[in-house]
Amino acid sequence: AALLAAAAGLALAREAQEALPADSAAPFPAMVRSAGYDDGNFAEFYAAGGRLDVVASWGFTVVTLAGNGSLLDAHTFHTGRPAQAKAMVKFIDQISKGTFVMIASKNDAFKGLAEHVKEAIRSC
């Protein structure tokens, strides 16, 4: 998996932010916009010139993309619940090599985030 963009969290930011790494290996433009509860409470995903049809709710939303930027899958995990944290790690672990990944948090997904979830995110 190749992490393209992550917002409001991997950099441990607390304000709205946009992420588009300059060293992205993607053959298409990609961006995540994300903000916590006090800063707009949203998570949006963009790839290959458009906004992806992803509905993010409270927690972390993990989006996977094909090599052309099209949406493969998207899941939101309420990582404050141990079963959801475990499900997120399992989901990330099952992402195929070469799949592009974007992650955003909505509300306050970092409160009490378990170390094994942080490690899974870093593994992308």
PDB file of N, CA and C in Angstrom:
ATOM      1  N   ALA A   1       0.846  -1.186   0.000  1.00  0.00           N
ATOM      2  CA  ALA A   1       0.000   0.000   0.000  1.00  0.00           C
ATOM      3  C   ALA A   1       0.879   1.233   0.000  1.00  0.00           C
ATOM      4  N   ALA A   2       0.390   2.279  -0.611  1.00  0.00           N
ATOM      5  CA  ALA A   2       1.127   3.544  -0.655  1.00  0.00           C
ATOM      6  C   ALA A   2       0.246   4.645  -0.107  1.00  0.00           C
ATOM      7  N   LEU A   3       0.638   5.211   1.026  1.00  0.00           N
ATOM      8  CA  LEU A   3      -0.139   6.274   1.634  1.00  0.00           C
ATOM      9  C   LEU A   3       0.066   7.546   0.832  1.00  0.00           C
ATOM     10  N   LEU A   4      -1.025   8.030   0.212  1.00  0.00           N
ATOM     11  CA  LEU A   4      -0.945   9.236  -0.607  1.00  0.00           C
ATOM     12  C   LEU A   4      -1.090  10.484   0.226  1.00  0.00           C
ATOM     13  N   ALA A   5      -2.101  10.514   1.045  1.00  0.00           N
ATOM     14  CA  ALA A   5      -2.391  11.724   1.789  1.00  0.00           C
ATOM     15  C   ALA A   5      -3.117  11.356   3.066  1.00  0.00           C
ATOM     16  N   ALA A   6      -2.770  12.043   4.104  1.00  0.00           N
ATOM     17  CA  ALA A   6      -3.463  11.858   5.379  1.00  0.00           C
ATOM     18  C   ALA A   6      -3.610  13.221   6.011  1.00  0.00           C
ATOM     19  N   ALA A   7      -4.739  13.462   6.598  1.00  0.00           N
ATOM     20  CA  ALA A   7      -4.981  14.794   7.148  1.00  0.00           C
ATOM     21  C   ALA A   7      -5.494  14.715   8.567  1.00  0.00           C
ATOM     22  N   ALA A   8      -5.328  15.810   9.258  1.00  0.00           N
ATOM     23  CA  ALA A   8      -5.836  15.988  10.621  1.00  0.00           C
ATOM     24  C   ALA A   8      -5.510  14.817  11.512  1.00  0.00           C
ATOM     25  N   GLY A   9      -4.269  14.456  11.547  1.00  0.00           N
ATOM     26  CA  GLY A   9      -3.952  13.385  12.450  1.00  0.00           C
ATOM     27  C   GLY A   9      -2.574  12.799  12.297  1.00  0.00           C
ATOM     28  N   LEU A  10      -2.243  12.318  11.128  1.00  0.00           N
ATOM     29  CA  LEU A  10      -0.933  11.707  11.000  1.00  0.00           C
ATOM     30  C   LEU A  10       0.138  12.727  11.296  1.00  0.00           C
ATOM     31  N   ALA A  11      -0.163  13.970  11.014  1.00  0.00           N
ATOM     32  CA  ALA A  11       0.734  15.037  11.415  1.00  0.00           C
ATOM     33  C   ALA A  11       0.335  15.556  12.795  1.00  0.00           C
ATOM     34  N   LEU A  12      -0.664  14.923  13.391  1.00  0.00           N
ATOM     35  CA  LEU A  12      -1.207  15.285  14.695  1.00  0.00           C
ATOM     36  C   LEU A  12      -1.664  16.731  14.747  1.00  0.00           C
ATOM     37  N   ALA A  13      -2.208  17.190  13.651  1.00  0.00           N
ATOM     38  CA  ALA A  13      -2.732  18.553  13.590  1.00  0.00           C
ATOM     39  C   ALA A  13      -4.080  18.617  14.278  1.00  0.00           C
ATOM     40  N   ARG A  14      -4.396  19.754  14.820  1.00  0.00           N
ATOM     41  CA  ARG A  14      -5.676  19.937  15.490  1.00  0.00           C
ATOM     42  C   ARG A  14      -6.567  20.911  14.739  1.00  0.00           C
ATOM     43  N   GLU A  15      -6.087  21.499  13.680  1.00  0.00           N
ATOM     44  CA  GLU A  15      -6.897  22.422  12.897  1.00  0.00           C
ATOM     45  C   GLU A  15      -7.163  21.817  11.524  1.00  0.00           C
ATOM     46  N   ALA A  16      -8.080  22.437  10.800  1.00  0.00           N
ATOM     47  CA  ALA A  16      -8.362  21.963   9.443  1.00  0.00           C
ATOM     48  C   ALA A  16      -7.078  22.002   8.633  1.00  0.00           C
ATOM     49  N   GLN A  17      -6.889  21.009   7.827  1.00  0.00           N
ATOM     50  CA  GLN A  17      -5.691  21.004   7.006  1.00  0.00           C
ATOM     51  C   GLN A  17      -5.930  20.217   5.726  1.00  0.00           C
ATOM     52  N   GLU A  18      -5.068  20.499   4.775  1.00  0.00           N
ATOM     53  CA  GLU A  18      -5.053  19.756   3.527  1.00  0.00           C
ATOM     54  C   GLU A  18      -3.724  19.043   3.442  1.00  0.00           C
ATOM     55  N   ALA A  19      -3.725  17.885   2.852  1.00  0.00           N
ATOM     56  CA  ALA A  19      -2.483  17.134   2.730  1.00  0.00           C
ATOM     57  C   ALA A  19      -2.321  16.663   1.293  1.00  0.00           C
ATOM     58  N   LEU A  20      -1.198  16.926   0.732  1.00  0.00           N
ATOM     59  CA  LEU A  20      -0.819  16.421  -0.582  1.00  0.00           C
ATOM     60  C   LEU A  20       0.699  16.364  -0.599  1.00  0.00           C
ATOM     61  N   PRO A  21       1.254  15.223  -0.278  1.00  0.00           N
ATOM     62  CA  PRO A  21       2.707  15.138  -0.165  1.00  0.00           C
ATOM     63  C   PRO A  21       3.401  15.382  -1.505  1.00  0.00           C
ATOM     64  N   ALA A  22       4.446  16.174  -1.445  1.00  0.00           N
ATOM     65  CA  ALA A  22       5.197  16.497  -2.657  1.00  0.00           C
ATOM     66  C   ALA A  22       5.861  15.265  -3.255  1.00  0.00           C
ATOM     67  N   ASP A  23       6.161  14.275  -2.420  1.00  0.00           N
ATOM     68  CA  ASP A  23       6.843  13.077  -2.904  1.00  0.00           C
ATOM     69  C   ASP A  23       5.883  11.935  -3.215  1.00  0.00           C
ATOM     70  N   SER A  24       4.621  12.249  -3.430  1.00  0.00           N
ATOM     71  CA  SER A  24       3.617  11.229  -3.708  1.00  0.00           C
ATOM     72  C   SER A  24       4.002  10.422  -4.938  1.00  0.00           C
ATOM     73  N   ALA A  25       3.817   9.101  -4.821  1.00  0.00           N
ATOM     74  CA  ALA A  25       4.141   8.208  -5.926  1.00  0.00           C
ATOM     75  C   ALA A  25       2.948   7.996  -6.851  1.00  0.00           C
ATOM     76  N   ALA A  26       1.860   8.649  -6.584  1.00  0.00           N
ATOM     77  CA  ALA A  26       0.639   8.431  -7.365  1.00  0.00           C
ATOM     78  C   ALA A  26       0.771   9.009  -8.767  1.00  0.00           C
ATOM     79  N   PRO A  27       0.222   8.295  -9.755  1.00  0.00           N
ATOM     80  CA  PRO A  27       0.226   8.793 -11.128  1.00  0.00           C
ATOM     81  C   PRO A  27      -0.953   9.741 -11.378  1.00  0.00           C
ATOM     82  N   PHE A  28      -1.576  10.230 -10.321  1.00  0.00           N
ATOM     83  CA  PHE A  28      -2.732  11.123 -10.421  1.00  0.00           C
ATOM     84  C   PHE A  28      -2.707  12.068  -9.225  1.00  0.00           C
ATOM     85  N   PRO A  29      -3.330  13.241  -9.334  1.00  0.00           N
ATOM     86  CA  PRO A  29      -3.389  14.149  -8.184  1.00  0.00           C
ATOM     87  C   PRO A  29      -4.330  13.595  -7.110  1.00  0.00           C
ATOM     88  N   ALA A  30      -3.962  13.775  -5.855  1.00  0.00           N
ATOM     89  CA  ALA A  30      -4.787  13.291  -4.745  1.00  0.00           C
ATOM     90  C   ALA A  30      -4.687  14.270  -3.584  1.00  0.00           C
ATOM     91  N   MET A  31      -5.788  14.419  -2.865  1.00  0.00           N
ATOM     92  CA  MET A  31      -5.799  15.324  -1.728  1.00  0.00           C
ATOM     93  C   MET A  31      -6.848  14.875  -0.725  1.00  0.00           C
ATOM     94  N   VAL A  32      -6.539  15.096   0.550  1.00  0.00           N
ATOM     95  CA  VAL A  32      -7.484  14.882   1.632  1.00  0.00           C
ATOM     96  C   VAL A  32      -7.668  16.217   2.337  1.00  0.00           C
ATOM     97  N   ARG A  33      -8.911  16.551   2.654  1.00  0.00           N
ATOM     98  CA  ARG A  33      -9.224  17.720   3.488  1.00  0.00           C
ATOM     99  C   ARG A  33      -9.946  17.189   4.704  1.00  0.00           C
ATOM    100  N   SER A  34      -9.506  17.617   5.884  1.00  0.00           N
ATOM    101  CA  SER A  34     -10.065  17.067   7.106  1.00  0.00           C
ATOM    102  C   SER A  34      -9.982  18.088   8.220  1.00  0.00           C
ATOM    103  N   ALA A  35     -10.963  18.037   9.128  1.00  0.00           N
ATOM    104  CA  ALA A  35     -10.970  18.945  10.274  1.00  0.00           C
ATOM    105  C   ALA A  35     -11.686  18.301  11.443  1.00  0.00           C
ATOM    106  N   GLY A  36     -11.234  18.660  12.628  1.00  0.00           N
ATOM    107  CA  GLY A  36     -11.868  18.179  13.848  1.00  0.00           C
ATOM    108  C   GLY A  36     -13.166  18.910  14.130  1.00  0.00           C
ATOM    109  N   TYR A  37     -13.825  18.500  15.185  1.00  0.00           N
ATOM    110  CA  TYR A  37     -15.150  19.013  15.539  1.00  0.00           C
ATOM    111  C   TYR A  37     -15.192  20.530  15.644  1.00  0.00           C
ATOM    112  N   ASP A  38     -14.221  21.125  16.305  1.00  0.00           N
ATOM    113  CA  ASP A  38     -14.217  22.578  16.521  1.00  0.00           C
ATOM    114  C   ASP A  38     -13.780  23.377  15.294  1.00  0.00           C
ATOM    115  N   ASP A  39     -13.301  22.699  14.275  1.00  0.00           N
ATOM    116  CA  ASP A  39     -12.760  23.387  13.099  1.00  0.00           C
ATOM    117  C   ASP A  39     -13.504  23.085  11.810  1.00  0.00           C
ATOM    118  N   GLY A  40     -14.723  22.580  11.910  1.00  0.00           N
ATOM    119  CA  GLY A  40     -15.513  22.313  10.717  1.00  0.00           C
ATOM    120  C   GLY A  40     -16.077  20.906  10.642  1.00  0.00           C
ATOM    121  N   ASN A  41     -15.414  19.955  11.311  1.00  0.00           N
ATOM    122  CA  ASN A  41     -15.921  18.592  11.412  1.00  0.00           C
ATOM    123  C   ASN A  41     -16.238  17.969  10.047  1.00  0.00           C
ATOM    124  N   PHE A  42     -15.214  17.812   9.221  1.00  0.00           N
ATOM    125  CA  PHE A  42     -15.427  17.214   7.902  1.00  0.00           C
ATOM    126  C   PHE A  42     -14.228  16.375   7.487  1.00  0.00           C
ATOM    127  N   ALA A  43     -14.442  15.519   6.517  1.00  0.00           N
ATOM    128  CA  ALA A  43     -13.379  14.756   5.874  1.00  0.00           C
ATOM    129  C   ALA A  43     -13.786  14.565   4.417  1.00  0.00           C
ATOM    130  N   GLU A  44     -12.937  15.025   3.506  1.00  0.00           N
ATOM    131  CA  GLU A  44     -13.221  14.948   2.066  1.00  0.00           C
ATOM    132  C   GLU A  44     -12.011  14.357   1.351  1.00  0.00           C
ATOM    133  N   PHE A  45     -12.275  13.616   0.305  1.00  0.00           N
ATOM    134  CA  PHE A  45     -11.232  12.944  -0.455  1.00  0.00           C
ATOM    135  C   PHE A  45     -11.338  13.331  -1.926  1.00  0.00           C
ATOM    136  N   TYR A  46     -10.191  13.648  -2.525  1.00  0.00           N
ATOM    137  CA  TYR A  46     -10.132  14.035  -3.930  1.00  0.00           C
ATOM    138  C   TYR A  46      -9.049  13.210  -4.627  1.00  0.00           C
ATOM    139  N   ALA A  47      -9.336  12.749  -5.828  1.00  0.00           N
ATOM    140  CA  ALA A  47      -8.341  12.014  -6.614  1.00  0.00           C
ATOM    141  C   ALA A  47      -8.706  12.113  -8.086  1.00  0.00           C
ATOM    142  N   ALA A  48      -7.671  12.103  -8.910  1.00  0.00           N
ATOM    143  CA  ALA A  48      -7.834  12.096 -10.366  1.00  0.00           C
ATOM    144  C   ALA A  48      -8.772  13.203 -10.842  1.00  0.00           C
ATOM    145  N   GLY A  49      -8.657  14.377 -10.238  1.00  0.00           N
ATOM    146  CA  GLY A  49      -9.393  15.542 -10.714  1.00  0.00           C
ATOM    147  C   GLY A  49     -10.775  15.762 -10.134  1.00  0.00           C
ATOM    148  N   GLY A  50     -11.206  14.953  -9.188  1.00  0.00           N
ATOM    149  CA  GLY A  50     -12.547  15.161  -8.651  1.00  0.00           C
ATOM    150  C   GLY A  50     -12.695  14.687  -7.221  1.00  0.00           C
ATOM    151  N   ARG A  51     -13.800  15.104  -6.610  1.00  0.00           N
ATOM    152  CA  ARG A  51     -14.107  14.662  -5.249  1.00  0.00           C
ATOM    153  C   ARG A  51     -14.683  13.252  -5.305  1.00  0.00           C
ATOM    154  N   LEU A  52     -14.188  12.394  -4.438  1.00  0.00           N
ATOM    155  CA  LEU A  52     -14.658  11.016  -4.391  1.00  0.00           C
ATOM    156  C   LEU A  52     -15.972  10.936  -3.623  1.00  0.00           C
ATOM    157  N   ASP A  53     -16.811  10.007  -4.023  1.00  0.00           N
ATOM    158  CA  ASP A  53     -18.109   9.809  -3.387  1.00  0.00           C
ATOM    159  C   ASP A  53     -17.930   8.962  -2.131  1.00  0.00           C
ATOM    160  N   VAL A  54     -17.405   9.613  -1.087  1.00  0.00           N
ATOM    161  CA  VAL A  54     -17.140   8.952   0.187  1.00  0.00           C
ATOM    162  C   VAL A  54     -17.842   9.745   1.278  1.00  0.00           C
ATOM    163  N   VAL A  55     -18.647   9.064   2.061  1.00  0.00           N
ATOM    164  CA  VAL A  55     -19.320   9.704   3.196  1.00  0.00           C
ATOM    165  C   VAL A  55     -18.553   9.306   4.454  1.00  0.00           C
ATOM    166  N   ALA A  56     -17.892  10.275   5.056  1.00  0.00           N
ATOM    167  CA  ALA A  56     -17.117  10.027   6.270  1.00  0.00           C
ATOM    168  C   ALA A  56     -17.958  10.380   7.478  1.00  0.00           C
ATOM    169  N   SER A  57     -17.884   9.538   8.492  1.00  0.00           N
ATOM    170  CA  SER A  57     -18.545   9.854   9.754  1.00  0.00           C
ATOM    171  C   SER A  57     -17.472   9.947  10.831  1.00  0.00           C
ATOM    172  N   TRP A  58     -17.884  10.014  12.093  1.00  0.00           N
ATOM    173  CA  TRP A  58     -16.953  10.187  13.196  1.00  0.00           C
ATOM    174  C   TRP A  58     -15.918   9.078  13.197  1.00  0.00           C
ATOM    175  N   GLY A  59     -14.650   9.447  13.289  1.00  0.00           N
ATOM    176  CA  GLY A  59     -13.564   8.483  13.357  1.00  0.00           C
ATOM    177  C   GLY A  59     -12.632   8.615  12.168  1.00  0.00           C
ATOM    178  N   PHE A  60     -11.922   7.543  11.873  1.00  0.00           N
ATOM    179  CA  PHE A  60     -11.004   7.508  10.738  1.00  0.00           C
ATOM    180  C   PHE A  60     -11.694   6.891   9.533  1.00  0.00           C
ATOM    181  N   THR A  61     -11.566   7.545   8.395  1.00  0.00           N
ATOM    182  CA  THR A  61     -12.043   6.972   7.140  1.00  0.00           C
ATOM    183  C   THR A  61     -10.817   6.595   6.321  1.00  0.00           C
ATOM    184  N   VAL A  62     -10.773   5.345   5.909  1.00  0.00           N
ATOM    185  CA  VAL A  62      -9.674   4.817   5.108  1.00  0.00           C
ATOM    186  C   VAL A  62     -10.222   4.569   3.708  1.00  0.00           C
ATOM    187  N   VAL A  63      -9.582   5.178   2.714  1.00  0.00           N
ATOM    188  CA  VAL A  63     -10.002   5.084   1.320  1.00  0.00           C
ATOM    189  C   VAL A  63      -8.894   4.392   0.529  1.00  0.00           C
ATOM    190  N   THR A  64      -9.279   3.427  -0.308  1.00  0.00           N
ATOM    191  CA  THR A  64      -8.302   2.788  -1.186  1.00  0.00           C
ATOM    192  C   THR A  64      -8.645   3.131  -2.631  1.00  0.00           C
ATOM    193  N   LEU A  65      -7.581   3.314  -3.423  1.00  0.00           N
ATOM    194  CA  LEU A  65      -7.724   3.741  -4.811  1.00  0.00           C
ATOM    195  C   LEU A  65      -6.952   2.825  -5.749  1.00  0.00           C
ATOM    196  N   ALA A  66      -7.489   2.653  -6.926  1.00  0.00           N
ATOM    197  CA  ALA A  66      -6.799   1.926  -7.993  1.00  0.00           C
ATOM    198  C   ALA A  66      -5.702   2.817  -8.580  1.00  0.00           C
ATOM    199  N   GLY A  67      -4.894   2.257  -9.425  1.00  0.00           N
ATOM    200  CA  GLY A  67      -3.786   2.989 -10.030  1.00  0.00           C
ATOM    201  C   GLY A  67      -4.185   4.172 -10.885  1.00  0.00           C
ATOM    202  N   ASN A  68      -5.447   4.230 -11.307  1.00  0.00           N
ATOM    203  CA  ASN A  68      -5.916   5.369 -12.103  1.00  0.00           C
ATOM    204  C   ASN A  68      -6.640   6.417 -11.247  1.00  0.00           C
ATOM    205  N   GLY A  69      -6.694   6.192  -9.918  1.00  0.00           N
ATOM    206  CA  GLY A  69      -7.343   7.140  -9.024  1.00  0.00           C
ATOM    207  C   GLY A  69      -8.799   6.847  -8.738  1.00  0.00           C
ATOM    208  N   SER A  70      -9.329   5.785  -9.311  1.00  0.00           N
ATOM    209  CA  SER A  70     -10.735   5.464  -9.053  1.00  0.00           C
ATOM    210  C   SER A  70     -10.882   4.806  -7.678  1.00  0.00           C
ATOM    211  N   LEU A  71     -12.021   5.020  -7.064  1.00  0.00           N
ATOM    212  CA  LEU A  71     -12.316   4.516  -5.734  1.00  0.00           C
ATOM    213  C   LEU A  71     -12.480   3.001  -5.747  1.00  0.00           C
ATOM    214  N   LEU A  72     -11.745   2.323  -4.881  1.00  0.00           N
ATOM    215  CA  LEU A  72     -11.911   0.886  -4.703  1.00  0.00           C
ATOM    216  C   LEU A  72     -12.810   0.602  -3.507  1.00  0.00           C
ATOM    217  N   ASP A  73     -12.496   1.237  -2.376  1.00  0.00           N
ATOM    218  CA  ASP A  73     -13.215   0.937  -1.149  1.00  0.00           C
ATOM    219  C   ASP A  73     -13.043   2.090  -0.171  1.00  0.00           C
ATOM    220  N   ALA A  74     -13.981   2.207   0.757  1.00  0.00           N
ATOM    221  CA  ALA A  74     -13.894   3.214   1.814  1.00  0.00           C
ATOM    222  C   ALA A  74     -14.634   2.705   3.039  1.00  0.00           C
ATOM    223  N   HIS A  75     -13.986   2.810   4.186  1.00  0.00           N
ATOM    224  CA  HIS A  75     -14.595   2.398   5.448  1.00  0.00           C
ATOM    225  C   HIS A  75     -14.246   3.413   6.523  1.00  0.00           C
ATOM    226  N   THR A  76     -15.195   3.685   7.406  1.00  0.00           N
ATOM    227  CA  THR A  76     -14.948   4.550   8.552  1.00  0.00           C
ATOM    228  C   THR A  76     -14.942   3.693   9.810  1.00  0.00           C
ATOM    229  N   PHE A  77     -13.994   4.001  10.691  1.00  0.00           N
ATOM    230  CA  PHE A  77     -13.816   3.242  11.920  1.00  0.00           C
ATOM    231  C   PHE A  77     -13.847   4.182  13.116  1.00  0.00           C
ATOM    232  N   HIS A  78     -14.695   3.892  14.069  1.00  0.00           N
ATOM    233  CA  HIS A  78     -14.799   4.644  15.325  1.00  0.00           C
ATOM    234  C   HIS A  78     -13.767   4.030  16.260  1.00  0.00           C
ATOM    235  N   THR A  79     -12.536   4.505  16.191  1.00  0.00           N
ATOM    236  CA  THR A  79     -11.416   3.851  16.864  1.00  0.00           C
ATOM    237  C   THR A  79     -11.423   4.015  18.379  1.00  0.00           C
ATOM    238  N   GLY A  80     -12.368   4.768  18.920  1.00  0.00           N
ATOM    239  CA  GLY A  80     -12.519   4.842  20.363  1.00  0.00           C
ATOM    240  C   GLY A  80     -13.113   3.559  20.928  1.00  0.00           C
ATOM    241  N   ARG A  81     -13.641   2.736  20.071  1.00  0.00           N
ATOM    242  CA  ARG A  81     -14.194   1.436  20.456  1.00  0.00           C
ATOM    243  C   ARG A  81     -13.174   0.357  20.086  1.00  0.00           C
ATOM    244  N   PRO A  82     -12.741  -0.458  21.039  1.00  0.00           N
ATOM    245  CA  PRO A  82     -11.697  -1.452  20.760  1.00  0.00           C
ATOM    246  C   PRO A  82     -11.993  -2.353  19.559  1.00  0.00           C
ATOM    247  N   ALA A  83     -13.214  -2.781  19.389  1.00  0.00           N
ATOM    248  CA  ALA A  83     -13.539  -3.655  18.248  1.00  0.00           C
ATOM    249  C   ALA A  83     -13.351  -2.921  16.924  1.00  0.00           C
ATOM    250  N   GLN A  84     -13.689  -1.624  16.891  1.00  0.00           N
ATOM    251  CA  GLN A  84     -13.513  -0.842  15.671  1.00  0.00           C
ATOM    252  C   GLN A  84     -12.032  -0.562  15.401  1.00  0.00           C
ATOM    253  N   ALA A  85     -11.255  -0.338  16.456  1.00  0.00           N
ATOM    254  CA  ALA A  85      -9.810  -0.144  16.297  1.00  0.00           C
ATOM    255  C   ALA A  85      -9.183  -1.400  15.705  1.00  0.00           C
ATOM    256  N   LYS A  86      -9.597  -2.551  16.214  1.00  0.00           N
ATOM    257  CA  LYS A  86      -9.090  -3.833  15.703  1.00  0.00           C
ATOM    258  C   LYS A  86      -9.516  -4.038  14.246  1.00  0.00           C
ATOM    259  N   ALA A  87     -10.739  -3.674  13.923  1.00  0.00           N
ATOM    260  CA  ALA A  87     -11.232  -3.809  12.545  1.00  0.00           C
ATOM    261  C   ALA A  87     -10.447  -2.913  11.591  1.00  0.00           C
ATOM    262  N   MET A  88     -10.084  -1.707  12.049  1.00  0.00           N
ATOM    263  CA  MET A  88      -9.306  -0.808  11.190  1.00  0.00           C
ATOM    264  C   MET A  88      -7.928  -1.395  10.899  1.00  0.00           C
ATOM    265  N   VAL A  89      -7.283  -1.912  11.925  1.00  0.00           N
ATOM    266  CA  VAL A  89      -5.970  -2.532  11.733  1.00  0.00           C
ATOM    267  C   VAL A  89      -6.084  -3.700  10.755  1.00  0.00           C
ATOM    268  N   LYS A  90      -7.089  -4.523  10.915  1.00  0.00           N
ATOM    269  CA  LYS A  90      -7.291  -5.670  10.013  1.00  0.00           C
ATOM    270  C   LYS A  90      -7.521  -5.190   8.579  1.00  0.00           C
ATOM    271  N   PHE A  91      -8.342  -4.148   8.415  1.00  0.00           N
ATOM    272  CA  PHE A  91      -8.613  -3.605   7.087  1.00  0.00           C
ATOM    273  C   PHE A  91      -7.312  -3.125   6.434  1.00  0.00           C
ATOM    274  N   ILE A  92      -6.519  -2.364   7.172  1.00  0.00           N
ATOM    275  CA  ILE A  92      -5.253  -1.858   6.625  1.00  0.00           C
ATOM    276  C   ILE A  92      -4.311  -3.011   6.296  1.00  0.00           C
ATOM    277  N   ASP A  93      -4.228  -3.988   7.170  1.00  0.00           N
ATOM    278  CA  ASP A  93      -3.331  -5.130   6.936  1.00  0.00           C
ATOM    279  C   ASP A  93      -3.696  -5.917   5.683  1.00  0.00           C
ATOM    280  N   GLN A  94      -4.961  -5.866   5.268  1.00  0.00           N
ATOM    281  CA  GLN A  94      -5.409  -6.637   4.105  1.00  0.00           C
ATOM    282  C   GLN A  94      -5.347  -5.855   2.792  1.00  0.00           C
ATOM    283  N   ILE A  95      -4.885  -4.610   2.842  1.00  0.00           N
ATOM    284  CA  ILE A  95      -4.774  -3.820   1.615  1.00  0.00           C
ATOM    285  C   ILE A  95      -3.633  -4.381   0.772  1.00  0.00           C
ATOM    286  N   SER A  96      -3.915  -4.624  -0.492  1.00  0.00           N
ATOM    287  CA  SER A  96      -2.923  -5.203  -1.398  1.00  0.00           C
ATOM    288  C   SER A  96      -1.785  -4.242  -1.676  1.00  0.00           C
ATOM    289  N   LYS A  97      -0.603  -4.807  -1.859  1.00  0.00           N
ATOM    290  CA  LYS A  97       0.566  -4.020  -2.220  1.00  0.00           C
ATOM    291  C   LYS A  97       0.283  -3.292  -3.533  1.00  0.00           C
ATOM    292  N   GLY A  98       0.674  -2.031  -3.600  1.00  0.00           N
ATOM    293  CA  GLY A  98       0.457  -1.236  -4.799  1.00  0.00           C
ATOM    294  C   GLY A  98      -0.844  -0.455  -4.798  1.00  0.00           C
ATOM    295  N   THR A  99      -1.705  -0.715  -3.816  1.00  0.00           N
ATOM    296  CA  THR A  99      -2.956   0.026  -3.690  1.00  0.00           C
ATOM    297  C   THR A  99      -2.661   1.371  -3.039  1.00  0.00           C
ATOM    298  N   PHE A 100      -3.268   2.406  -3.541  1.00  0.00           N
ATOM    299  CA  PHE A 100      -3.086   3.737  -2.971  1.00  0.00           C
ATOM    300  C   PHE A 100      -4.093   3.940  -1.842  1.00  0.00           C
ATOM    301  N   VAL A 101      -3.641   4.584  -0.765  1.00  0.00           N
ATOM    302  CA  VAL A 101      -4.453   4.742   0.440  1.00  0.00           C
ATOM    303  C   VAL A 101      -4.498   6.206   0.852  1.00  0.00           C
ATOM    304  N   MET A 102      -5.688   6.650   1.243  1.00  0.00           N
ATOM    305  CA  MET A 102      -5.855   7.969   1.848  1.00  0.00           C
ATOM    306  C   MET A 102      -6.608   7.778   3.158  1.00  0.00           C
ATOM    307  N   ILE A 103      -6.216   8.541   4.178  1.00  0.00           N
ATOM    308  CA  ILE A 103      -6.839   8.426   5.495  1.00  0.00           C
ATOM    309  C   ILE A 103      -7.141   9.823   6.016  1.00  0.00           C
ATOM    310  N   ALA A 104      -8.335   9.981   6.579  1.00  0.00           N
ATOM    311  CA  ALA A 104      -8.710  11.251   7.196  1.00  0.00           C
ATOM    312  C   ALA A 104      -9.449  10.965   8.489  1.00  0.00           C
ATOM    313  N   SER A 105      -9.391  11.925   9.394  1.00  0.00           N
ATOM    314  CA  SER A 105     -10.165  11.803  10.623  1.00  0.00           C
ATOM    315  C   SER A 105     -11.197  12.913  10.677  1.00  0.00           C
ATOM    316  N   LYS A 106     -12.330  12.578  11.241  1.00  0.00           N
ATOM    317  CA  LYS A 106     -13.411  13.536  11.420  1.00  0.00           C
ATOM    318  C   LYS A 106     -13.766  13.549  12.895  1.00  0.00           C
ATOM    319  N   ASN A 107     -14.074  14.700  13.421  1.00  0.00           N
ATOM    320  CA  ASN A 107     -14.358  14.909  14.831  1.00  0.00           C
ATOM    321  C   ASN A 107     -13.038  14.826  15.581  1.00  0.00           C
ATOM    322  N   ASP A 108     -12.870  13.918  16.529  1.00  0.00           N
ATOM    323  CA  ASP A 108     -11.629  13.793  17.284  1.00  0.00           C
ATOM    324  C   ASP A 108     -11.237  12.331  17.358  1.00  0.00           C
ATOM    325  N   ALA A 109     -10.736  11.814  16.276  1.00  0.00           N
ATOM    326  CA  ALA A 109     -10.416  10.393  16.192  1.00  0.00           C
ATOM    327  C   ALA A 109      -9.146  10.029  16.951  1.00  0.00           C
ATOM    328  N   PHE A 110      -8.359  11.008  17.368  1.00  0.00           N
ATOM    329  CA  PHE A 110      -7.084  10.709  18.022  1.00  0.00           C
ATOM    330  C   PHE A 110      -7.187  10.554  19.526  1.00  0.00           C
ATOM    331  N   LYS A 111      -8.304  10.925  20.097  1.00  0.00           N
ATOM    332  CA  LYS A 111      -8.464  10.809  21.543  1.00  0.00           C
ATOM    333  C   LYS A 111      -8.397   9.333  21.942  1.00  0.00           C
ATOM    334  N   GLY A 112      -7.374   8.979  22.707  1.00  0.00           N
ATOM    335  CA  GLY A 112      -7.235   7.599  23.167  1.00  0.00           C
ATOM    336  C   GLY A 112      -6.871   6.606  22.080  1.00  0.00           C
ATOM    337  N   LEU A 113      -6.302   7.065  20.978  1.00  0.00           N
ATOM    338  CA  LEU A 113      -5.963   6.160  19.876  1.00  0.00           C
ATOM    339  C   LEU A 113      -4.888   5.165  20.303  1.00  0.00           C
ATOM    340  N   ALA A 114      -5.174   3.899  20.144  1.00  0.00           N
ATOM    341  CA  ALA A 114      -4.257   2.835  20.547  1.00  0.00           C
ATOM    342  C   ALA A 114      -3.011   2.820  19.661  1.00  0.00           C
ATOM    343  N   GLU A 115      -1.895   2.442  20.252  1.00  0.00           N
ATOM    344  CA  GLU A 115      -0.625   2.416  19.533  1.00  0.00           C
ATOM    345  C   GLU A 115      -0.663   1.464  18.337  1.00  0.00           C
ATOM    346  N   HIS A 116      -1.366   0.332  18.430  1.00  0.00           N
ATOM    347  CA  HIS A 116      -1.404  -0.609  17.309  1.00  0.00           C
ATOM    348  C   HIS A 116      -2.140  -0.010  16.106  1.00  0.00           C
ATOM    349  N   VAL A 117      -3.056   0.917  16.339  1.00  0.00           N
ATOM    350  CA  VAL A 117      -3.732   1.604  15.231  1.00  0.00           C
ATOM    351  C   VAL A 117      -2.761   2.600  14.584  1.00  0.00           C
ATOM    352  N   LYS A 118      -2.025   3.335  15.403  1.00  0.00           N
ATOM    353  CA  LYS A 118      -1.023   4.270  14.861  1.00  0.00           C
ATOM    354  C   LYS A 118       0.000   3.523  14.016  1.00  0.00           C
ATOM    355  N   GLU A 119       0.440   2.367  14.496  1.00  0.00           N
ATOM    356  CA  GLU A 119       1.410   1.557  13.747  1.00  0.00           C
ATOM    357  C   GLU A 119       0.831   1.099  12.416  1.00  0.00           C
ATOM    358  N   ALA A 120      -0.430   0.706  12.398  1.00  0.00           N
ATOM    359  CA  ALA A 120      -1.074   0.280  11.149  1.00  0.00           C
ATOM    360  C   ALA A 120      -1.117   1.427  10.152  1.00  0.00           C
ATOM    361  N   ILE A 121      -1.462   2.626  10.621  1.00  0.00           N
ATOM    362  CA  ILE A 121      -1.496   3.791   9.745  1.00  0.00           C
ATOM    363  C   ILE A 121      -0.116   4.064   9.179  1.00  0.00           C
ATOM    364  N   ARG A 122       0.875   4.022  10.022  1.00  0.00           N
ATOM    365  CA  ARG A 122       2.270   4.266   9.558  1.00  0.00           C
ATOM    366  C   ARG A 122       2.728   3.214   8.560  1.00  0.00           C
ATOM    367  N   SER A 123       2.150   2.033   8.605  1.00  0.00           N
ATOM    368  CA  SER A 123       2.592   0.934   7.719  1.00  0.00           C
ATOM    369  C   SER A 123       2.123   1.124   6.277  1.00  0.00           C
ATOM    370  N   CYS A 124       1.202   2.019   6.054  1.00  0.00           N
ATOM    371  CA  CYS A 124       0.689   2.216   4.689  1.00  0.00           C
ATOM    372  C   CYS A 124       1.762   2.735   3.752  1.00  0.00           C
TER     373      CYS A 124
END
